[in-house]
Amino acid sequence: MNEAADETTRIADAVLAGDRRALARAITLIESTRGDDQARAQALLARLLPETGGSARVGVSGAPGVGKSTFIEAFGLHLIERGHRVAVLAVDPSSKRGGGALLGDKTRMAELAKSEGAFIRPSPAGEILGGVARRTREAMLACEAAGFDDVVVETVGVGQSETAVADMVDTFLLLLAPGGGDELQGIKKGIVELADLIVVNKSDGALADAAGRMQADYRAALGLLRPASSDWTPRVLACSALHGDGVAEVWRAVEDHRAALVPSGGTGRRRARQSRGSMWSEIGDGLVAAFKAHPQVAALAARLEDEVAEGALTPHAAAMRLLEAFRGGDSA
């Protein structure tokens, strides 16, 4: 066994022993885009995989300013009080110019970050859409292997397009805040239809009445939608994460959701569907990368892009010519 393989084995063993520093190193390896690191990451995950699957996977989404970090900190601290170990995978938006991210979630969750029972890992979203990072799913598996009872995925906070997290968690929680104008605007969007729980945050002080009305409106509106699962009817709750009010009720709803799926094997089916979808997503990414790297495509793409930009060629026609070049046809 070479030195790199030995180091990968040491990291895996330390992760399985619950070492948080080793877990951080493992996720860094998993997130690396270097070819040699990706090979090591796959070896690492193969070693960890038998010890995964035992956690409650919870996704938290919502628009900027809704209080996701405050809610997750209160939620995590509540779980730790109950004797749980909690991992938070927080995805920060990447700069469109420089590609960097602030990665400030440990600062926004200062109390949770200090707890021995918590692990917080911020990751940049990069160019991935849907509110999650490219390797969030694999990072979640590493957290499970490290013995965390609950894994919370906080999405990037870009609005209604954050649906990718629903394809990697057991319970998808949508956080809303009152006072944003048209309180039922979100009901028109797909993200609401995917939510297992809707939580109206900031239900305190001057916003308490507005939060109560919003909760009632969403309960009525959800009654008009067909539930995503026959095993569960989505619930609408209210809480004040700032003051800790209603957080325990949210966790009980998460437990109720998980319990409702047990008799029919709903969680297992959901995870199996998610894994199959992830496999095909990886294949799609790999095919796009191979397509762009193809010599004939690379030689032709820049010219066709210019023709499309100038209006001399339709995007469809340009795409067909590039596909023909990829298949080995005439690329002239």
Protein backbone atom coordinates (compact mmCIF):
# COMPACT_ATOMS: atom_id res chain seq x y z
CA MET A 1 0.00 0.00 0.00
CA ASN A 2 1.48 3.39 -0.99
CA GLU A 3 1.77 6.45 1.24
CA ALA A 4 -1.38 8.16 -0.12
CA ALA A 5 -3.44 5.01 0.44
CA ASP A 6 -2.05 4.68 3.96
CA GLU A 7 -3.04 8.28 4.71
CA THR A 8 -6.54 7.71 3.30
CA THR A 9 -6.94 4.66 5.52
CA ARG A 10 -5.80 6.65 8.57
CA ILE A 11 -8.32 9.39 7.80
CA ALA A 12 -11.11 6.84 7.36
CA ASP A 13 -10.30 5.10 10.63
CA ALA A 14 -10.20 8.43 12.48
CA VAL A 15 -13.55 9.48 10.97
CA LEU A 16 -15.10 6.20 12.09
CA ALA A 17 -13.75 6.90 15.56
CA GLY A 18 -15.60 10.21 15.61
CA ASP A 19 -12.60 12.51 15.18
CA ARG A 20 -13.96 15.88 14.01
CA ARG A 21 -10.62 17.07 12.62
CA ALA A 22 -10.39 13.92 10.54
CA LEU A 23 -13.96 14.50 9.36
CA ALA A 24 -13.01 18.00 8.21
CA ARG A 25 -10.01 16.58 6.33
CA ALA A 26 -12.20 13.90 4.78
CA ILE A 27 -14.70 16.46 3.49
CA THR A 28 -11.86 18.60 2.12
CA LEU A 29 -10.65 15.55 0.21
CA ILE A 30 -14.17 14.77 -1.01
CA GLU A 31 -14.67 18.34 -2.24
CA SER A 32 -11.33 18.51 -4.06
CA THR A 33 -11.53 18.65 -7.86
CA ARG A 34 -8.04 17.19 -8.40
CA GLY A 35 -8.06 13.83 -10.15
CA ASP A 36 -5.74 12.13 -7.66
CA ASP A 37 -7.76 13.48 -4.72
CA GLN A 38 -11.00 12.24 -6.27
CA ALA A 39 -9.54 8.74 -6.54
CA ARG A 40 -8.57 8.88 -2.86
CA ALA A 41 -11.99 10.28 -1.96
CA GLN A 42 -13.73 7.34 -3.62
CA ALA A 43 -11.50 4.91 -1.69
CA LEU A 44 -12.31 6.80 1.51
CA LEU A 45 -16.06 6.71 0.86
CA ALA A 46 -15.94 3.01 0.04
CA ARG A 47 -14.46 2.40 3.48
CA LEU A 48 -17.01 4.66 5.21
CA LEU A 49 -20.12 3.55 3.32
CA PRO A 50 -20.99 0.50 5.47
CA GLU A 51 -21.31 2.81 8.50
CA THR A 52 -23.63 5.35 6.85
CA GLY A 53 -27.40 5.69 6.70
CA GLY A 54 -28.19 5.92 10.40
CA SER A 55 -28.81 9.65 10.76
CA ALA A 56 -31.86 11.85 10.38
CA ARG A 57 -31.24 13.91 7.25
CA VAL A 58 -32.92 17.30 7.35
CA GLY A 59 -32.74 19.98 4.66
CA VAL A 60 -33.49 23.61 5.52
CA SER A 61 -34.25 26.06 2.73
CA GLY A 62 -35.58 29.58 2.52
CA ALA A 63 -34.99 33.00 1.05
CA PRO A 64 -32.23 35.32 2.33
CA GLY A 65 -33.14 37.01 5.60
CA VAL A 66 -35.60 34.36 6.69
CA GLY A 67 -33.34 33.37 9.60
CA LYS A 68 -31.99 30.00 8.48
CA SER A 69 -28.74 30.23 10.46
CA THR A 70 -30.54 31.41 13.61
CA PHE A 71 -33.09 28.62 13.24
CA ILE A 72 -30.47 25.92 12.63
CA GLU A 73 -28.45 27.05 15.65
CA ALA A 74 -31.54 26.90 17.91
CA PHE A 75 -32.58 23.60 16.33
CA GLY A 76 -29.09 22.10 16.76
CA LEU A 77 -28.78 23.23 20.36
CA HIS A 78 -32.17 21.68 21.13
CA LEU A 79 -31.02 18.36 19.68
CA ILE A 80 -27.74 18.48 21.60
CA GLU A 81 -29.71 19.05 24.81
CA ARG A 82 -31.50 15.81 23.97
CA GLY A 83 -28.15 14.00 23.75
CA HIS A 84 -27.78 14.06 19.96
CA ARG A 85 -24.66 14.78 17.92
CA VAL A 86 -25.45 17.24 15.13
CA ALA A 87 -23.61 17.96 11.88
CA VAL A 88 -24.48 21.07 9.87
CA LEU A 89 -23.47 21.29 6.22
CA ALA A 90 -23.94 24.94 5.32
CA VAL A 91 -23.67 26.00 1.69
CA ASP A 92 -22.58 29.59 1.01
CA PRO A 93 -23.07 31.39 -2.30
CA SER A 94 -19.99 31.72 -4.49
CA SER A 95 -18.98 34.97 -6.08
CA LYS A 96 -19.90 35.15 -9.75
CA ARG A 97 -16.73 37.16 -10.33
CA GLY A 98 -14.01 35.54 -8.28
CA GLY A 99 -15.64 32.23 -7.41
CA GLY A 100 -14.93 32.60 -3.70
CA ALA A 101 -17.39 32.37 -0.81
CA LEU A 102 -17.56 34.04 2.59
CA LEU A 103 -18.09 30.75 4.47
CA GLY A 104 -19.30 32.63 7.53
CA ASP A 105 -21.72 30.11 9.02
CA LYS A 106 -19.54 29.30 12.03
CA THR A 107 -19.69 33.00 12.91
CA ARG A 108 -23.47 33.10 12.51
CA MET A 109 -23.85 29.94 14.64
CA ALA A 110 -21.30 30.83 17.31
CA GLU A 111 -23.00 29.03 20.21
CA LEU A 112 -23.57 25.85 18.24
CA ALA A 113 -20.01 25.91 16.90
CA LYS A 114 -18.66 25.86 20.48
CA SER A 115 -20.54 22.68 21.38
CA GLU A 116 -18.62 19.41 21.49
CA GLY A 117 -21.69 17.70 20.08
CA ALA A 118 -21.76 19.79 16.92
CA PHE A 119 -19.82 19.90 13.67
CA ILE A 120 -20.35 22.79 11.26
CA ARG A 121 -18.91 22.65 7.78
CA PRO A 122 -19.42 25.58 5.40
CA SER A 123 -18.85 24.86 1.71
CA PRO A 124 -19.01 27.08 -1.37
CA ALA A 125 -21.83 26.41 -3.81
CA GLY A 126 -19.55 26.98 -6.79
CA GLU A 127 -21.45 26.84 -10.07
CA ILE A 128 -23.93 24.24 -8.83
CA LEU A 129 -27.59 25.32 -8.91
CA GLY A 130 -30.26 24.22 -6.47
CA GLY A 131 -28.78 25.63 -3.26
CA VAL A 132 -26.29 22.85 -2.47
CA ALA A 133 -22.62 22.20 -3.17
CA ARG A 134 -21.31 19.63 -5.64
CA ARG A 135 -20.32 17.12 -2.95
CA THR A 136 -22.90 17.80 -0.24
CA ARG A 137 -24.29 14.27 -0.55
CA GLU A 138 -20.88 12.64 -0.01
CA ALA A 139 -20.09 15.03 2.85
CA MET A 140 -23.33 13.94 4.49
CA LEU A 141 -22.26 10.29 4.27
CA ALA A 142 -18.95 11.15 5.94
CA CYS A 143 -20.82 12.85 8.79
CA GLU A 144 -22.98 9.78 9.25
CA ALA A 145 -19.92 7.53 9.34
CA ALA A 146 -18.47 9.79 12.05
CA GLY A 147 -21.46 8.96 14.24
CA PHE A 148 -23.60 12.08 13.98
CA ASP A 149 -27.25 11.39 14.78
CA ASP A 150 -28.61 14.26 12.73
CA VAL A 151 -27.27 15.92 9.58
CA VAL A 152 -28.75 19.31 8.71
CA VAL A 153 -28.14 20.74 5.24
CA GLU A 154 -28.58 24.52 5.01
CA THR A 155 -29.05 25.71 1.45
CA VAL A 156 -27.46 28.77 -0.06
CA GLY A 157 -30.47 31.03 0.33
CA VAL A 158 -31.16 32.16 -3.21
CA GLY A 159 -34.92 31.77 -3.27
CA GLN A 160 -37.37 29.42 -4.93
CA SER A 161 -34.87 27.45 -7.06
CA GLU A 162 -33.39 25.64 -4.06
CA THR A 163 -34.96 22.25 -4.68
CA ALA A 164 -31.85 20.06 -5.04
CA VAL A 165 -31.66 19.59 -1.27
CA ALA A 166 -35.02 17.79 -1.35
CA ASP A 167 -33.29 15.06 -3.37
CA MET A 168 -30.78 14.22 -0.65
CA VAL A 169 -32.61 14.45 2.69
CA ASP A 170 -35.35 12.56 4.51
CA THR A 171 -37.23 15.66 5.67
CA PHE A 172 -37.29 18.89 3.67
CA LEU A 173 -38.11 21.94 5.76
CA LEU A 174 -39.02 25.25 4.14
CA LEU A 175 -38.49 28.30 6.35
CA LEU A 176 -40.61 31.40 5.73
CA ALA A 177 -40.83 34.81 7.38
CA PRO A 178 -43.89 37.07 7.73
CA GLY A 179 -44.03 40.63 6.52
CA GLY A 180 -42.68 39.99 3.03
CA GLY A 181 -45.67 41.29 1.08
CA ASP A 182 -47.71 38.66 -0.78
CA GLU A 183 -47.68 35.96 1.88
CA LEU A 184 -48.90 33.25 -0.51
CA GLN A 185 -46.54 34.07 -3.35
CA GLY A 186 -44.49 30.98 -2.55
CA ILE A 187 -47.44 28.62 -2.95
CA LYS A 188 -47.14 29.10 -6.72
CA LYS A 189 -43.63 27.69 -6.74
CA GLY A 190 -42.40 24.12 -6.88
CA ILE A 191 -40.36 24.40 -3.69
CA VAL A 192 -43.53 24.53 -1.55
CA GLU A 193 -44.86 21.37 -3.17
CA LEU A 194 -41.66 19.56 -2.16
CA ALA A 195 -41.68 20.66 1.47
CA ASP A 196 -42.51 18.13 4.17
CA LEU A 197 -42.68 20.88 6.78
CA ILE A 198 -43.25 24.61 6.40
CA VAL A 199 -42.08 26.70 9.34
CA VAL A 200 -42.98 30.37 9.72
CA ASN A 201 -40.03 31.87 11.59
CA LYS A 202 -39.84 35.21 13.46
CA SER A 203 -43.21 34.53 15.08
CA ASP A 204 -42.64 37.01 17.90
CA GLY A 205 -43.08 40.66 18.83
CA ALA A 206 -44.64 42.90 16.20
CA LEU A 207 -44.61 40.07 13.66
CA ALA A 208 -46.49 37.55 15.81
CA ASP A 209 -49.93 38.36 14.38
CA ALA A 210 -48.65 38.40 10.79
CA ALA A 211 -46.93 35.05 11.39
CA GLY A 212 -50.19 33.56 12.70
CA ARG A 213 -52.07 34.72 9.63
CA MET A 214 -49.35 33.40 7.34
CA GLN A 215 -49.46 30.01 9.09
CA ALA A 216 -53.24 29.82 8.63
CA ASP A 217 -53.01 30.88 4.98
CA TYR A 218 -50.43 28.23 4.15
CA ARG A 219 -52.40 25.53 5.95
CA ALA A 220 -55.44 26.40 3.85
CA ALA A 221 -53.43 26.64 0.63
CA LEU A 222 -51.66 23.31 1.18
CA GLY A 223 -55.07 21.70 1.40
CA LEU A 224 -55.46 22.44 -2.30
CA LEU A 225 -52.24 20.62 -3.23
CA ARG A 226 -51.81 16.88 -3.56
CA PRO A 227 -49.28 15.63 -0.96
CA ALA A 228 -46.04 14.31 -2.43
CA SER A 229 -46.46 11.13 -0.34
CA SER A 230 -49.56 9.21 0.67
CA ASP A 231 -47.85 8.55 4.01
CA TRP A 232 -47.59 12.18 5.09
CA THR A 233 -49.55 15.41 4.92
CA PRO A 234 -47.22 18.44 5.12
CA ARG A 235 -47.55 20.53 8.27
CA VAL A 236 -47.27 24.28 8.77
CA LEU A 237 -45.71 25.37 12.06
CA ALA A 238 -44.61 28.65 13.59
CA CYS A 239 -41.57 29.40 15.72
CA SER A 240 -39.29 32.11 16.98
CA ALA A 241 -35.76 30.80 16.53
CA LEU A 242 -34.38 33.94 18.17
CA HIS A 243 -36.20 33.14 21.41
CA GLY A 244 -36.29 29.34 21.00
CA ASP A 245 -40.08 29.20 20.97
CA GLY A 246 -41.59 26.41 18.87
CA VAL A 247 -38.24 24.76 18.04
CA ALA A 248 -39.08 21.65 20.06
CA GLU A 249 -42.36 21.34 18.15
CA VAL A 250 -40.48 21.48 14.86
CA TRP A 251 -38.24 18.59 15.95
CA ARG A 252 -41.29 16.58 17.04
CA ALA A 253 -42.76 17.14 13.58
CA VAL A 254 -39.52 15.87 12.02
CA GLU A 255 -39.76 12.76 14.21
CA ASP A 256 -43.43 12.32 13.27
CA HIS A 257 -42.54 12.57 9.58
CA ARG A 258 -39.83 9.94 9.88
CA ALA A 259 -42.14 7.66 11.89
CA ALA A 260 -44.94 8.04 9.33
CA LEU A 261 -42.70 6.66 6.59
CA VAL A 262 -41.58 3.59 8.56
CA PRO A 263 -44.57 1.23 8.00
CA SER A 264 -44.43 1.53 4.21
CA GLY A 265 -40.62 1.71 3.97
CA GLY A 266 -40.94 5.25 2.63
CA THR A 267 -37.56 6.44 3.86
CA GLY A 268 -35.74 3.53 2.22
CA ARG A 269 -37.55 4.12 -1.07
CA ARG A 270 -36.84 7.82 -0.90
CA ARG A 271 -33.13 7.27 -0.30
CA ALA A 272 -32.95 4.64 -3.04
CA ARG A 273 -34.60 7.04 -5.50
CA GLN A 274 -32.21 9.80 -4.45
CA SER A 275 -29.18 7.54 -4.93
CA ARG A 276 -30.30 6.49 -8.40
CA GLY A 277 -30.88 10.12 -9.33
CA SER A 278 -27.44 11.07 -8.04
CA MET A 279 -25.83 8.34 -10.15
CA TRP A 280 -27.42 9.68 -13.33
CA SER A 281 -26.53 13.23 -12.37
CA GLU A 282 -22.88 12.19 -12.06
CA ILE A 283 -23.09 10.49 -15.45
CA GLY A 284 -24.52 13.67 -16.94
CA ASP A 285 -21.73 15.79 -15.47
CA GLY A 286 -19.13 13.33 -16.73
CA LEU A 287 -20.58 13.28 -20.23
CA VAL A 288 -20.64 17.09 -20.41
CA ALA A 289 -17.00 17.22 -19.30
CA ALA A 290 -16.02 14.60 -21.89
CA PHE A 291 -18.01 16.45 -24.55
CA LYS A 292 -16.24 19.76 -23.89
CA ALA A 293 -12.83 18.05 -23.83
CA HIS A 294 -13.38 16.30 -27.18
CA PRO A 295 -10.82 17.69 -29.69
CA GLN A 296 -13.28 18.23 -32.55
CA VAL A 297 -15.82 19.87 -30.25
CA ALA A 298 -13.18 22.12 -28.69
CA ALA A 299 -11.96 23.19 -32.14
CA LEU A 300 -15.47 24.06 -33.29
CA ALA A 301 -17.16 25.43 -30.16
CA ALA A 302 -15.64 28.93 -30.04
CA ARG A 303 -16.59 29.72 -33.65
CA LEU A 304 -20.13 28.43 -33.21
CA GLU A 305 -20.52 30.36 -29.95
CA ASP A 306 -19.60 33.55 -31.83
CA GLU A 307 -22.09 32.77 -34.60
CA VAL A 308 -24.84 32.16 -32.05
CA ALA A 309 -23.98 35.40 -30.22
CA GLU A 310 -24.10 37.34 -33.49
CA GLY A 311 -27.44 35.84 -34.44
CA ALA A 312 -26.05 34.08 -37.49
CA LEU A 313 -26.94 30.63 -36.16
CA THR A 314 -29.61 29.34 -33.80
CA PRO A 315 -28.50 27.71 -30.53
CA HIS A 316 -30.25 24.49 -31.61
CA ALA A 317 -28.39 24.35 -34.93
CA ALA A 318 -25.06 25.01 -33.21
CA ALA A 319 -25.74 22.30 -30.64
CA MET A 320 -26.59 19.78 -33.35
CA ARG A 321 -23.34 20.51 -35.18
CA LEU A 322 -21.33 20.10 -31.99
CA LEU A 323 -23.06 16.81 -31.22
CA GLU A 324 -22.36 15.61 -34.73
CA ALA A 325 -18.68 16.51 -34.27
CA PHE A 326 -18.64 14.62 -30.97
CA ARG A 327 -20.05 11.53 -32.68
CA GLY A 328 -17.35 11.77 -35.32
CA GLY A 329 -19.36 13.27 -38.14
CA ASP A 330 -18.55 16.18 -40.39
CA SER A 331 -17.71 19.22 -38.26
CA ALA A 332 -17.19 21.70 -41.04
